[in-house]
Amino acid sequence: MKIPVQHRDSVTILQPAGKITIGMGDVALREAVDDALAAGSRSLLVDFQKASKMDSSGMAELVAAYKKVKENGGEIKLLHLPSNIRDVLTITQISRVFEIFDDEDEAVASFN
């Protein structure tokens, strides 16, 4: 899986699609975050609009991404969480760590 990347202002938007699960999307998410940081991005927005599922490996990568971005002086926020992914993040209380948005304009503006 390759995660498409867009840039808006100084924000890097990662757009995973499909399943973010062990052996598939989890590695792609890690690589996309690493690539963005290596390119100098410090404001990352993960847009889950096209994501269909996330398992515990995907959640672990999301938490690892949060830590890695923070350690590099950046911020990572979430956008367009499908209800099934939002529910899992809420139950596990991972949602308390991230700012979560339903509107891209609001999310991008929140970095400034």
PDB file of N, CA and C in Angstrom:
ATOM      1  N   MET A   1       0.850  -1.183   0.000  1.00  0.00           N
ATOM      2  CA  MET A   1       0.000   0.000   0.000  1.00  0.00           C
ATOM      3  C   MET A   1       0.890   1.239   0.000  1.00  0.00           C
ATOM      4  N   LYS A   2       0.573   2.151  -0.878  1.00  0.00           N
ATOM      5  CA  LYS A   2       1.260   3.449  -0.924  1.00  0.00           C
ATOM      6  C   LYS A   2       0.262   4.496  -0.437  1.00  0.00           C
ATOM      7  N   ILE A   3       0.697   5.343   0.467  1.00  0.00           N
ATOM      8  CA  ILE A   3      -0.201   6.364   1.013  1.00  0.00           C
ATOM      9  C   ILE A   3       0.007   7.672   0.258  1.00  0.00           C
ATOM     10  N   PRO A   4      -1.034   8.146  -0.435  1.00  0.00           N
ATOM     11  CA  PRO A   4      -0.923   9.435  -1.137  1.00  0.00           C
ATOM     12  C   PRO A   4      -0.687  10.575  -0.148  1.00  0.00           C
ATOM     13  N   VAL A   5       0.067  11.564  -0.618  1.00  0.00           N
ATOM     14  CA  VAL A   5       0.408  12.718   0.214  1.00  0.00           C
ATOM     15  C   VAL A   5       0.018  13.987  -0.538  1.00  0.00           C
ATOM     16  N   GLN A   6      -0.594  14.908   0.179  1.00  0.00           N
ATOM     17  CA  GLN A   6      -0.889  16.236  -0.349  1.00  0.00           C
ATOM     18  C   GLN A   6      -0.283  17.262   0.600  1.00  0.00           C
ATOM     19  N   HIS A   7      -0.122  18.464   0.093  1.00  0.00           N
ATOM     20  CA  HIS A   7       0.382  19.559   0.932  1.00  0.00           C
ATOM     21  C   HIS A   7      -0.591  20.718   0.829  1.00  0.00           C
ATOM     22  N   ARG A   8      -0.922  21.269   1.973  1.00  0.00           N
ATOM     23  CA  ARG A   8      -1.769  22.453   2.038  1.00  0.00           C
ATOM     24  C   ARG A   8      -1.141  23.407   3.014  1.00  0.00           C
ATOM     25  N   ASP A   9      -0.765  24.568   2.529  1.00  0.00           N
ATOM     26  CA  ASP A   9      -0.001  25.511   3.344  1.00  0.00           C
ATOM     27  C   ASP A   9       1.246  24.774   3.839  1.00  0.00           C
ATOM     28  N   SER A  10       1.474  24.770   5.127  1.00  0.00           N
ATOM     29  CA  SER A  10       2.649  24.074   5.665  1.00  0.00           C
ATOM     30  C   SER A  10       2.282  22.700   6.235  1.00  0.00           C
ATOM     31  N   VAL A  11       1.101  22.201   5.886  1.00  0.00           N
ATOM     32  CA  VAL A  11       0.604  20.941   6.431  1.00  0.00           C
ATOM     33  C   VAL A  11       0.760  19.818   5.406  1.00  0.00           C
ATOM     34  N   THR A  12       1.296  18.700   5.845  1.00  0.00           N
ATOM     35  CA  THR A  12       1.401  17.501   5.024  1.00  0.00           C
ATOM     36  C   THR A  12       0.209  16.616   5.367  1.00  0.00           C
ATOM     37  N   ILE A  13      -0.575  16.270   4.352  1.00  0.00           N
ATOM     38  CA  ILE A  13      -1.779  15.460   4.554  1.00  0.00           C
ATOM     39  C   ILE A  13      -1.521  14.058   4.009  1.00  0.00           C
ATOM     40  N   LEU A  14      -1.563  13.079   4.905  1.00  0.00           N
ATOM     41  CA  LEU A  14      -1.414  11.671   4.534  1.00  0.00           C
ATOM     42  C   LEU A  14      -2.808  11.076   4.370  1.00  0.00           C
ATOM     43  N   GLN A  15      -3.023  10.320   3.286  1.00  0.00           N
ATOM     44  CA  GLN A  15      -4.363   9.826   2.977  1.00  0.00           C
ATOM     45  C   GLN A  15      -4.394   8.308   2.806  1.00  0.00           C
ATOM     46  N   PRO A  16      -4.289   7.565   3.914  1.00  0.00           N
ATOM     47  CA  PRO A  16      -4.343   6.110   3.792  1.00  0.00           C
ATOM     48  C   PRO A  16      -5.711   5.654   3.281  1.00  0.00           C
ATOM     49  N   ALA A  17      -5.703   4.590   2.483  1.00  0.00           N
ATOM     50  CA  ALA A  17      -6.948   4.040   1.953  1.00  0.00           C
ATOM     51  C   ALA A  17      -6.985   2.546   2.246  1.00  0.00           C
ATOM     52  N   GLY A  18      -8.172   2.045   2.467  1.00  0.00           N
ATOM     53  CA  GLY A  18      -8.324   0.614   2.727  1.00  0.00           C
ATOM     54  C   GLY A  18      -8.034   0.261   4.165  1.00  0.00           C
ATOM     55  N   LYS A  19      -7.450  -0.909   4.342  1.00  0.00           N
ATOM     56  CA  LYS A  19      -7.203  -1.448   5.679  1.00  0.00           C
ATOM     57  C   LYS A  19      -5.834  -1.020   6.207  1.00  0.00           C
ATOM     58  N   ILE A  20      -5.839  -0.530   7.427  1.00  0.00           N
ATOM     59  CA  ILE A  20      -4.596  -0.205   8.126  1.00  0.00           C
ATOM     60  C   ILE A  20      -4.427  -1.304   9.161  1.00  0.00           C
ATOM     61  N   THR A  21      -3.908  -2.426   8.671  1.00  0.00           N
ATOM     62  CA  THR A  21      -3.834  -3.633   9.481  1.00  0.00           C
ATOM     63  C   THR A  21      -2.436  -4.230   9.403  1.00  0.00           C
ATOM     64  N   ILE A  22      -2.193  -5.234  10.231  1.00  0.00           N
ATOM     65  CA  ILE A  22      -0.870  -5.845  10.314  1.00  0.00           C
ATOM     66  C   ILE A  22      -0.411  -6.327   8.931  1.00  0.00           C
ATOM     67  N   GLY A  23       0.812  -5.965   8.616  1.00  0.00           N
ATOM     68  CA  GLY A  23       1.408  -6.404   7.370  1.00  0.00           C
ATOM     69  C   GLY A  23       0.970  -5.643   6.134  1.00  0.00           C
ATOM     70  N   MET A  24       0.054  -4.712   6.287  1.00  0.00           N
ATOM     71  CA  MET A  24      -0.414  -3.949   5.133  1.00  0.00           C
ATOM     72  C   MET A  24      -0.250  -2.458   5.428  1.00  0.00           C
ATOM     73  N   GLY A  25      -1.310  -1.872   5.874  1.00  0.00           N
ATOM     74  CA  GLY A  25      -1.327  -0.433   6.087  1.00  0.00           C
ATOM     75  C   GLY A  25      -0.492   0.056   7.249  1.00  0.00           C
ATOM     76  N   ASP A  26      -0.203  -0.820   8.215  1.00  0.00           N
ATOM     77  CA  ASP A  26       0.583  -0.365   9.360  1.00  0.00           C
ATOM     78  C   ASP A  26       1.987   0.044   8.931  1.00  0.00           C
ATOM     79  N   VAL A  27       2.612  -0.746   8.089  1.00  0.00           N
ATOM     80  CA  VAL A  27       3.956  -0.433   7.598  1.00  0.00           C
ATOM     81  C   VAL A  27       3.913   0.798   6.695  1.00  0.00           C
ATOM     82  N   ALA A  28       2.892   0.879   5.863  1.00  0.00           N
ATOM     83  CA  ALA A  28       2.751   2.027   4.955  1.00  0.00           C
ATOM     84  C   ALA A  28       2.589   3.319   5.744  1.00  0.00           C
ATOM     85  N   LEU A  29       1.820   3.273   6.833  1.00  0.00           N
ATOM     86  CA  LEU A  29       1.637   4.456   7.667  1.00  0.00           C
ATOM     87  C   LEU A  29       2.970   4.872   8.291  1.00  0.00           C
ATOM     88  N   ARG A  30       3.710   3.921   8.817  1.00  0.00           N
ATOM     89  CA  ARG A  30       5.023   4.216   9.412  1.00  0.00           C
ATOM     90  C   ARG A  30       5.949   4.853   8.378  1.00  0.00           C
ATOM     91  N   GLU A  31       6.004   4.264   7.182  1.00  0.00           N
ATOM     92  CA  GLU A  31       6.882   4.790   6.139  1.00  0.00           C
ATOM     93  C   GLU A  31       6.462   6.183   5.679  1.00  0.00           C
ATOM     94  N   ALA A  32       5.150   6.421   5.592  1.00  0.00           N
ATOM     95  CA  ALA A  32       4.660   7.742   5.169  1.00  0.00           C
ATOM     96  C   ALA A  32       5.030   8.811   6.196  1.00  0.00           C
ATOM     97  N   VAL A  33       4.896   8.492   7.475  1.00  0.00           N
ATOM     98  CA  VAL A  33       5.263   9.441   8.530  1.00  0.00           C
ATOM     99  C   VAL A  33       6.775   9.678   8.515  1.00  0.00           C
ATOM    100  N   ASP A  34       7.546   8.593   8.393  1.00  0.00           N
ATOM    101  CA  ASP A  34       9.013   8.736   8.335  1.00  0.00           C
ATOM    102  C   ASP A  34       9.444   9.593   7.152  1.00  0.00           C
ATOM    103  N   ASP A  35       8.829   9.356   5.985  1.00  0.00           N
ATOM    104  CA  ASP A  35       9.159  10.129   4.784  1.00  0.00           C
ATOM    105  C   ASP A  35       8.823  11.608   4.968  1.00  0.00           C
ATOM    106  N   ALA A  36       7.667  11.877   5.569  1.00  0.00           N
ATOM    107  CA  ALA A  36       7.247  13.267   5.786  1.00  0.00           C
ATOM    108  C   ALA A  36       8.218  13.977   6.728  1.00  0.00           C
ATOM    109  N   LEU A  37       8.616  13.298   7.801  1.00  0.00           N
ATOM    110  CA  LEU A  37       9.563  13.894   8.743  1.00  0.00           C
ATOM    111  C   LEU A  37      10.922  14.108   8.084  1.00  0.00           C
ATOM    112  N   ALA A  38      11.367  13.133   7.287  1.00  0.00           N
ATOM    113  CA  ALA A  38      12.651  13.253   6.599  1.00  0.00           C
ATOM    114  C   ALA A  38      12.653  14.412   5.608  1.00  0.00           C
ATOM    115  N   ALA A  39      11.469  14.722   5.054  1.00  0.00           N
ATOM    116  CA  ALA A  39      11.346  15.833   4.108  1.00  0.00           C
ATOM    117  C   ALA A  39      11.217  17.181   4.816  1.00  0.00           C
ATOM    118  N   GLY A  40      11.196  17.158   6.160  1.00  0.00           N
ATOM    119  CA  GLY A  40      11.132  18.399   6.914  1.00  0.00           C
ATOM    120  C   GLY A  40       9.742  18.807   7.377  1.00  0.00           C
ATOM    121  N   SER A  41       8.747  17.976   7.107  1.00  0.00           N
ATOM    122  CA  SER A  41       7.380  18.291   7.550  1.00  0.00           C
ATOM    123  C   SER A  41       7.280  18.150   9.068  1.00  0.00           C
ATOM    124  N   ARG A  42       6.614  19.103   9.682  1.00  0.00           N
ATOM    125  CA  ARG A  42       6.402  19.040  11.124  1.00  0.00           C
ATOM    126  C   ARG A  42       4.923  19.177  11.487  1.00  0.00           C
ATOM    127  N   SER A  43       4.080  19.411  10.494  1.00  0.00           N
ATOM    128  CA  SER A  43       2.630  19.495  10.693  1.00  0.00           C
ATOM    129  C   SER A  43       2.002  18.414   9.830  1.00  0.00           C
ATOM    130  N   LEU A  44       1.580  17.328  10.467  1.00  0.00           N
ATOM    131  CA  LEU A  44       1.018  16.194   9.742  1.00  0.00           C
ATOM    132  C   LEU A  44      -0.454  16.019  10.075  1.00  0.00           C
ATOM    133  N   LEU A  45      -1.229  15.769   9.041  1.00  0.00           N
ATOM    134  CA  LEU A  45      -2.655  15.516   9.180  1.00  0.00           C
ATOM    135  C   LEU A  45      -2.936  14.191   8.486  1.00  0.00           C
ATOM    136  N   VAL A  46      -3.488  13.227   9.220  1.00  0.00           N
ATOM    137  CA  VAL A  46      -3.814  11.929   8.640  1.00  0.00           C
ATOM    138  C   VAL A  46      -5.306  11.912   8.341  1.00  0.00           C
ATOM    139  N   ASP A  47      -5.637  11.839   7.052  1.00  0.00           N
ATOM    140  CA  ASP A  47      -7.024  11.869   6.584  1.00  0.00           C
ATOM    141  C   ASP A  47      -7.498  10.433   6.358  1.00  0.00           C
ATOM    142  N   PHE A  48      -8.406   9.984   7.207  1.00  0.00           N
ATOM    143  CA  PHE A  48      -8.902   8.610   7.171  1.00  0.00           C
ATOM    144  C   PHE A  48     -10.160   8.438   6.313  1.00  0.00           C
ATOM    145  N   GLN A  49     -10.478   9.411   5.485  1.00  0.00           N
ATOM    146  CA  GLN A  49     -11.721   9.367   4.715  1.00  0.00           C
ATOM    147  C   GLN A  49     -11.855   8.080   3.896  1.00  0.00           C
ATOM    148  N   LYS A  50     -10.763   7.570   3.357  1.00  0.00           N
ATOM    149  CA  LYS A  50     -10.821   6.372   2.519  1.00  0.00           C
ATOM    150  C   LYS A  50     -10.362   5.118   3.247  1.00  0.00           C
ATOM    151  N   ALA A  51     -10.131   5.220   4.545  1.00  0.00           N
ATOM    152  CA  ALA A  51      -9.729   4.051   5.333  1.00  0.00           C
ATOM    153  C   ALA A  51     -10.979   3.272   5.739  1.00  0.00           C
ATOM    154  N   SER A  52     -10.882   1.958   5.671  1.00  0.00           N
ATOM    155  CA  SER A  52     -12.058   1.138   5.981  1.00  0.00           C
ATOM    156  C   SER A  52     -11.943   0.397   7.302  1.00  0.00           C
ATOM    157  N   LYS A  53     -10.711   0.163   7.751  1.00  0.00           N
ATOM    158  CA  LYS A  53     -10.531  -0.652   8.951  1.00  0.00           C
ATOM    159  C   LYS A  53      -9.162  -0.365   9.551  1.00  0.00           C
ATOM    160  N   MET A  54      -9.071  -0.485  10.874  1.00  0.00           N
ATOM    161  CA  MET A  54      -7.790  -0.366  11.558  1.00  0.00           C
ATOM    162  C   MET A  54      -7.755  -1.390  12.683  1.00  0.00           C
ATOM    163  N   ASP A  55      -6.708  -2.212  12.702  1.00  0.00           N
ATOM    164  CA  ASP A  55      -6.568  -3.185  13.784  1.00  0.00           C
ATOM    165  C   ASP A  55      -5.567  -2.667  14.826  1.00  0.00           C
ATOM    166  N   SER A  56      -5.210  -3.519  15.772  1.00  0.00           N
ATOM    167  CA  SER A  56      -4.320  -3.092  16.852  1.00  0.00           C
ATOM    168  C   SER A  56      -2.939  -2.694  16.331  1.00  0.00           C
ATOM    169  N   SER A  57      -2.484  -3.308  15.253  1.00  0.00           N
ATOM    170  CA  SER A  57      -1.191  -2.920  14.673  1.00  0.00           C
ATOM    171  C   SER A  57      -1.264  -1.512  14.096  1.00  0.00           C
ATOM    172  N   GLY A  58      -2.365  -1.207  13.441  1.00  0.00           N
ATOM    173  CA  GLY A  58      -2.565   0.144  12.914  1.00  0.00           C
ATOM    174  C   GLY A  58      -2.612   1.174  14.029  1.00  0.00           C
ATOM    175  N   MET A  59      -3.306   0.823  15.117  1.00  0.00           N
ATOM    176  CA  MET A  59      -3.376   1.732  16.256  1.00  0.00           C
ATOM    177  C   MET A  59      -2.002   1.931  16.883  1.00  0.00           C
ATOM    178  N   ALA A  60      -1.231   0.845  16.972  1.00  0.00           N
ATOM    179  CA  ALA A  60       0.115   0.955  17.530  1.00  0.00           C
ATOM    180  C   ALA A  60       0.981   1.869  16.663  1.00  0.00           C
ATOM    181  N   GLU A  61       0.855   1.762  15.359  1.00  0.00           N
ATOM    182  CA  GLU A  61       1.617   2.633  14.456  1.00  0.00           C
ATOM    183  C   GLU A  61       1.179   4.088  14.600  1.00  0.00           C
ATOM    184  N   LEU A  62      -0.102   4.296  14.813  1.00  0.00           N
ATOM    185  CA  LEU A  62      -0.608   5.652  14.995  1.00  0.00           C
ATOM    186  C   LEU A  62      -0.027   6.274  16.265  1.00  0.00           C
ATOM    187  N   VAL A  63       0.014   5.510  17.334  1.00  0.00           N
ATOM    188  CA  VAL A  63       0.598   5.992  18.593  1.00  0.00           C
ATOM    189  C   VAL A  63       2.102   6.218  18.423  1.00  0.00           C
ATOM    190  N   ALA A  64       2.781   5.308  17.736  1.00  0.00           N
ATOM    191  CA  ALA A  64       4.215   5.468  17.491  1.00  0.00           C
ATOM    192  C   ALA A  64       4.471   6.711  16.643  1.00  0.00           C
ATOM    193  N   ALA A  65       3.587   6.962  15.665  1.00  0.00           N
ATOM    194  CA  ALA A  65       3.718   8.154  14.818  1.00  0.00           C
ATOM    195  C   ALA A  65       3.571   9.413  15.660  1.00  0.00           C
ATOM    196  N   TYR A  66       2.610   9.409  16.576  1.00  0.00           N
ATOM    197  CA  TYR A  66       2.405  10.555  17.462  1.00  0.00           C
ATOM    198  C   TYR A  66       3.689  10.851  18.240  1.00  0.00           C
ATOM    199  N   LYS A  67       4.262   9.804  18.823  1.00  0.00           N
ATOM    200  CA  LYS A  67       5.478   9.965  19.618  1.00  0.00           C
ATOM    201  C   LYS A  67       6.635  10.469  18.759  1.00  0.00           C
ATOM    202  N   LYS A  68       6.800   9.875  17.587  1.00  0.00           N
ATOM    203  CA  LYS A  68       7.904  10.236  16.697  1.00  0.00           C
ATOM    204  C   LYS A  68       7.784  11.687  16.221  1.00  0.00           C
ATOM    205  N   VAL A  69       6.574  12.086  15.860  1.00  0.00           N
ATOM    206  CA  VAL A  69       6.362  13.456  15.388  1.00  0.00           C
ATOM    207  C   VAL A  69       6.617  14.443  16.525  1.00  0.00           C
ATOM    208  N   LYS A  70       6.116  14.149  17.713  1.00  0.00           N
ATOM    209  CA  LYS A  70       6.353  15.022  18.873  1.00  0.00           C
ATOM    210  C   LYS A  70       7.840  15.148  19.183  1.00  0.00           C
ATOM    211  N   GLU A  71       8.548  14.027  19.125  1.00  0.00           N
ATOM    212  CA  GLU A  71       9.994  14.046  19.394  1.00  0.00           C
ATOM    213  C   GLU A  71      10.753  14.899  18.376  1.00  0.00           C
ATOM    214  N   ASN A  72      10.177  15.056  17.199  1.00  0.00           N
ATOM    215  CA  ASN A  72      10.795  15.866  16.144  1.00  0.00           C
ATOM    216  C   ASN A  72      10.239  17.293  16.125  1.00  0.00           C
ATOM    217  N   GLY A  73       9.537  17.672  17.192  1.00  0.00           N
ATOM    218  CA  GLY A  73       9.040  19.036  17.312  1.00  0.00           C
ATOM    219  C   GLY A  73       7.816  19.342  16.479  1.00  0.00           C
ATOM    220  N   GLY A  74       7.072  18.299  16.105  1.00  0.00           N
ATOM    221  CA  GLY A  74       5.899  18.509  15.258  1.00  0.00           C
ATOM    222  C   GLY A  74       4.589  18.156  15.929  1.00  0.00           C
ATOM    223  N   GLU A  75       3.553  18.219  15.120  1.00  0.00           N
ATOM    224  CA  GLU A  75       2.205  17.869  15.564  1.00  0.00           C
ATOM    225  C   GLU A  75       1.594  16.940  14.537  1.00  0.00           C
ATOM    226  N   ILE A  76       0.771  16.000  15.008  1.00  0.00           N
ATOM    227  CA  ILE A  76       0.023  15.119  14.123  1.00  0.00           C
ATOM    228  C   ILE A  76      -1.424  15.105  14.591  1.00  0.00           C
ATOM    229  N   LYS A  77      -2.325  15.280  13.640  1.00  0.00           N
ATOM    230  CA  LYS A  77      -3.755  15.345  13.943  1.00  0.00           C
ATOM    231  C   LYS A  77      -4.503  14.434  12.979  1.00  0.00           C
ATOM    232  N   LEU A  78      -5.750  14.111  13.320  1.00  0.00           N
ATOM    233  CA  LEU A  78      -6.543  13.165  12.539  1.00  0.00           C
ATOM    234  C   LEU A  78      -7.751  13.843  11.921  1.00  0.00           C
ATOM    235  N   LEU A  79      -8.143  13.359  10.742  1.00  0.00           N
ATOM    236  CA  LEU A  79      -9.249  13.949   9.988  1.00  0.00           C
ATOM    237  C   LEU A  79     -10.137  12.847   9.433  1.00  0.00           C
ATOM    238  N   HIS A  80     -11.442  13.115   9.386  1.00  0.00           N
ATOM    239  CA  HIS A  80     -12.445  12.251   8.741  1.00  0.00           C
ATOM    240  C   HIS A  80     -12.391  10.801   9.227  1.00  0.00           C
ATOM    241  N   LEU A  81     -12.441  10.613  10.534  1.00  0.00           N
ATOM    242  CA  LEU A  81     -12.431   9.242  11.058  1.00  0.00           C
ATOM    243  C   LEU A  81     -13.761   8.554  10.785  1.00  0.00           C
ATOM    244  N   PRO A  82     -13.755   7.405  10.106  1.00  0.00           N
ATOM    245  CA  PRO A  82     -14.987   6.635   9.960  1.00  0.00           C
ATOM    246  C   PRO A  82     -15.461   6.189  11.345  1.00  0.00           C
ATOM    247  N   SER A  83     -16.746   5.957  11.492  1.00  0.00           N
ATOM    248  CA  SER A  83     -17.294   5.647  12.816  1.00  0.00           C
ATOM    249  C   SER A  83     -16.658   4.409  13.438  1.00  0.00           C
ATOM    250  N   ASN A  84     -16.361   3.377  12.640  1.00  0.00           N
ATOM    251  CA  ASN A  84     -15.771   2.166  13.226  1.00  0.00           C
ATOM    252  C   ASN A  84     -14.371   2.435  13.780  1.00  0.00           C
ATOM    253  N   ILE A  85     -13.577   3.256  13.101  1.00  0.00           N
ATOM    254  CA  ILE A  85     -12.238   3.589  13.591  1.00  0.00           C
ATOM    255  C   ILE A  85     -12.332   4.551  14.771  1.00  0.00           C
ATOM    256  N   ARG A  86     -13.244   5.523  14.684  1.00  0.00           N
ATOM    257  CA  ARG A  86     -13.437   6.461  15.797  1.00  0.00           C
ATOM    258  C   ARG A  86     -13.842   5.709  17.061  1.00  0.00           C
ATOM    259  N   ASP A  87     -14.736   4.731  16.916  1.00  0.00           N
ATOM    260  CA  ASP A  87     -15.198   3.956  18.073  1.00  0.00           C
ATOM    261  C   ASP A  87     -14.040   3.211  18.739  1.00  0.00           C
ATOM    262  N   VAL A  88     -13.192   2.578  17.939  1.00  0.00           N
ATOM    263  CA  VAL A  88     -12.059   1.837  18.491  1.00  0.00           C
ATOM    264  C   VAL A  88     -11.082   2.788  19.183  1.00  0.00           C
ATOM    265  N   LEU A  89     -10.819   3.922  18.573  1.00  0.00           N
ATOM    266  CA  LEU A  89      -9.906   4.894  19.190  1.00  0.00           C
ATOM    267  C   LEU A  89     -10.491   5.461  20.480  1.00  0.00           C
ATOM    268  N   THR A  90     -11.813   5.588  20.536  1.00  0.00           N
ATOM    269  CA  THR A  90     -12.469   6.076  21.747  1.00  0.00           C
ATOM    270  C   THR A  90     -12.419   5.031  22.856  1.00  0.00           C
ATOM    271  N   ILE A  91     -12.739   3.787  22.518  1.00  0.00           N
ATOM    272  CA  ILE A  91     -12.744   2.710  23.509  1.00  0.00           C
ATOM    273  C   ILE A  91     -11.351   2.525  24.115  1.00  0.00           C
ATOM    274  N   THR A  92     -10.333   2.606  23.280  1.00  0.00           N
ATOM    275  CA  THR A  92      -8.958   2.420  23.749  1.00  0.00           C
ATOM    276  C   THR A  92      -8.366   3.701  24.346  1.00  0.00           C
ATOM    277  N   GLN A  93      -9.110   4.773  24.278  1.00  0.00           N
ATOM    278  CA  GLN A  93      -8.739   6.097  24.776  1.00  0.00           C
ATOM    279  C   GLN A  93      -7.583   6.727  24.001  1.00  0.00           C
ATOM    280  N   ILE A  94      -7.258   6.167  22.856  1.00  0.00           N
ATOM    281  CA  ILE A  94      -6.237   6.770  21.994  1.00  0.00           C
ATOM    282  C   ILE A  94      -6.745   8.100  21.456  1.00  0.00           C
ATOM    283  N   SER A  95      -8.044   8.220  21.315  1.00  0.00           N
ATOM    284  CA  SER A  95      -8.633   9.462  20.792  1.00  0.00           C
ATOM    285  C   SER A  95      -8.334  10.654  21.699  1.00  0.00           C
ATOM    286  N   ARG A  96      -8.024  10.410  22.955  1.00  0.00           N
ATOM    287  CA  ARG A  96      -7.717  11.497  23.885  1.00  0.00           C
ATOM    288  C   ARG A  96      -6.351  12.119  23.608  1.00  0.00           C
ATOM    289  N   VAL A  97      -5.504  11.401  22.876  1.00  0.00           N
ATOM    290  CA  VAL A  97      -4.154  11.859  22.579  1.00  0.00           C
ATOM    291  C   VAL A  97      -4.148  12.806  21.373  1.00  0.00           C
ATOM    292  N   PHE A  98      -5.065  12.579  20.439  1.00  0.00           N
ATOM    293  CA  PHE A  98      -5.073  13.306  19.168  1.00  0.00           C
ATOM    294  C   PHE A  98      -6.167  14.354  19.110  1.00  0.00           C
ATOM    295  N   GLU A  99      -5.892  15.423  18.370  1.00  0.00           N
ATOM    296  CA  GLU A  99      -6.961  16.327  17.968  1.00  0.00           C
ATOM    297  C   GLU A  99      -7.596  15.693  16.740  1.00  0.00           C
ATOM    298  N   ILE A 100      -8.921  15.617  16.746  1.00  0.00           N
ATOM    299  CA  ILE A 100      -9.659  14.955  15.667  1.00  0.00           C
ATOM    300  C   ILE A 100     -10.608  15.962  15.035  1.00  0.00           C
ATOM    301  N   PHE A 101     -10.600  16.002  13.712  1.00  0.00           N
ATOM    302  CA  PHE A 101     -11.406  16.965  12.969  1.00  0.00           C
ATOM    303  C   PHE A 101     -12.282  16.261  11.939  1.00  0.00           C
ATOM    304  N   ASP A 102     -13.411  16.902  11.636  1.00  0.00           N
ATOM    305  CA  ASP A 102     -14.291  16.438  10.568  1.00  0.00           C
ATOM    306  C   ASP A 102     -14.225  17.365   9.369  1.00  0.00           C
ATOM    307  N   ASP A 103     -13.569  18.503   9.511  1.00  0.00           N
ATOM    308  CA  ASP A 103     -13.482  19.500   8.446  1.00  0.00           C
ATOM    309  C   ASP A 103     -12.006  19.785   8.135  1.00  0.00           C
ATOM    310  N   GLU A 104     -11.627  19.621   6.871  1.00  0.00           N
ATOM    311  CA  GLU A 104     -10.225  19.806   6.490  1.00  0.00           C
ATOM    312  C   GLU A 104      -9.742  21.232   6.694  1.00  0.00           C
ATOM    313  N   ASP A 105     -10.576  22.215   6.363  1.00  0.00           N
ATOM    314  CA  ASP A 105     -10.176  23.609   6.542  1.00  0.00           C
ATOM    315  C   ASP A 105      -9.861  23.911   8.008  1.00  0.00           C
ATOM    316  N   GLU A 106     -10.728  23.448   8.896  1.00  0.00           N
ATOM    317  CA  GLU A 106     -10.505  23.640  10.341  1.00  0.00           C
ATOM    318  C   GLU A 106      -9.214  22.949  10.787  1.00  0.00           C
ATOM    319  N   ALA A 107      -9.011  21.737  10.301  1.00  0.00           N
ATOM    320  CA  ALA A 107      -7.834  20.972  10.696  1.00  0.00           C
ATOM    321  C   ALA A 107      -6.555  21.685  10.254  1.00  0.00           C
ATOM    322  N   VAL A 108      -6.514  22.128   9.013  1.00  0.00           N
ATOM    323  CA  VAL A 108      -5.326  22.815   8.503  1.00  0.00           C
ATOM    324  C   VAL A 108      -5.100  24.118   9.275  1.00  0.00           C
ATOM    325  N   ALA A 109      -6.159  24.863   9.521  1.00  0.00           N
ATOM    326  CA  ALA A 109      -6.050  26.137  10.250  1.00  0.00           C
ATOM    327  C   ALA A 109      -5.569  25.927  11.689  1.00  0.00           C
ATOM    328  N   SER A 110      -5.842  24.770  12.265  1.00  0.00           N
ATOM    329  CA  SER A 110      -5.468  24.527  13.655  1.00  0.00           C
ATOM    330  C   SER A 110      -3.958  24.425  13.855  1.00  0.00           C
ATOM    331  N   PHE A 111      -3.202  24.234  12.783  1.00  0.00           N
ATOM    332  CA  PHE A 111      -1.750  24.148  12.899  1.00  0.00           C
ATOM    333  C   PHE A 111      -1.094  25.526  13.006  1.00  0.00           C
ATOM    334  N   ASN A 112      -1.809  26.571  12.620  1.00  0.00           N
ATOM    335  CA  ASN A 112      -1.212  27.914  12.607  1.00  0.00           C
ATOM    336  C   ASN A 112      -1.363  28.634  13.933  1.00  0.00           C
TER     337      ASN A 112
END
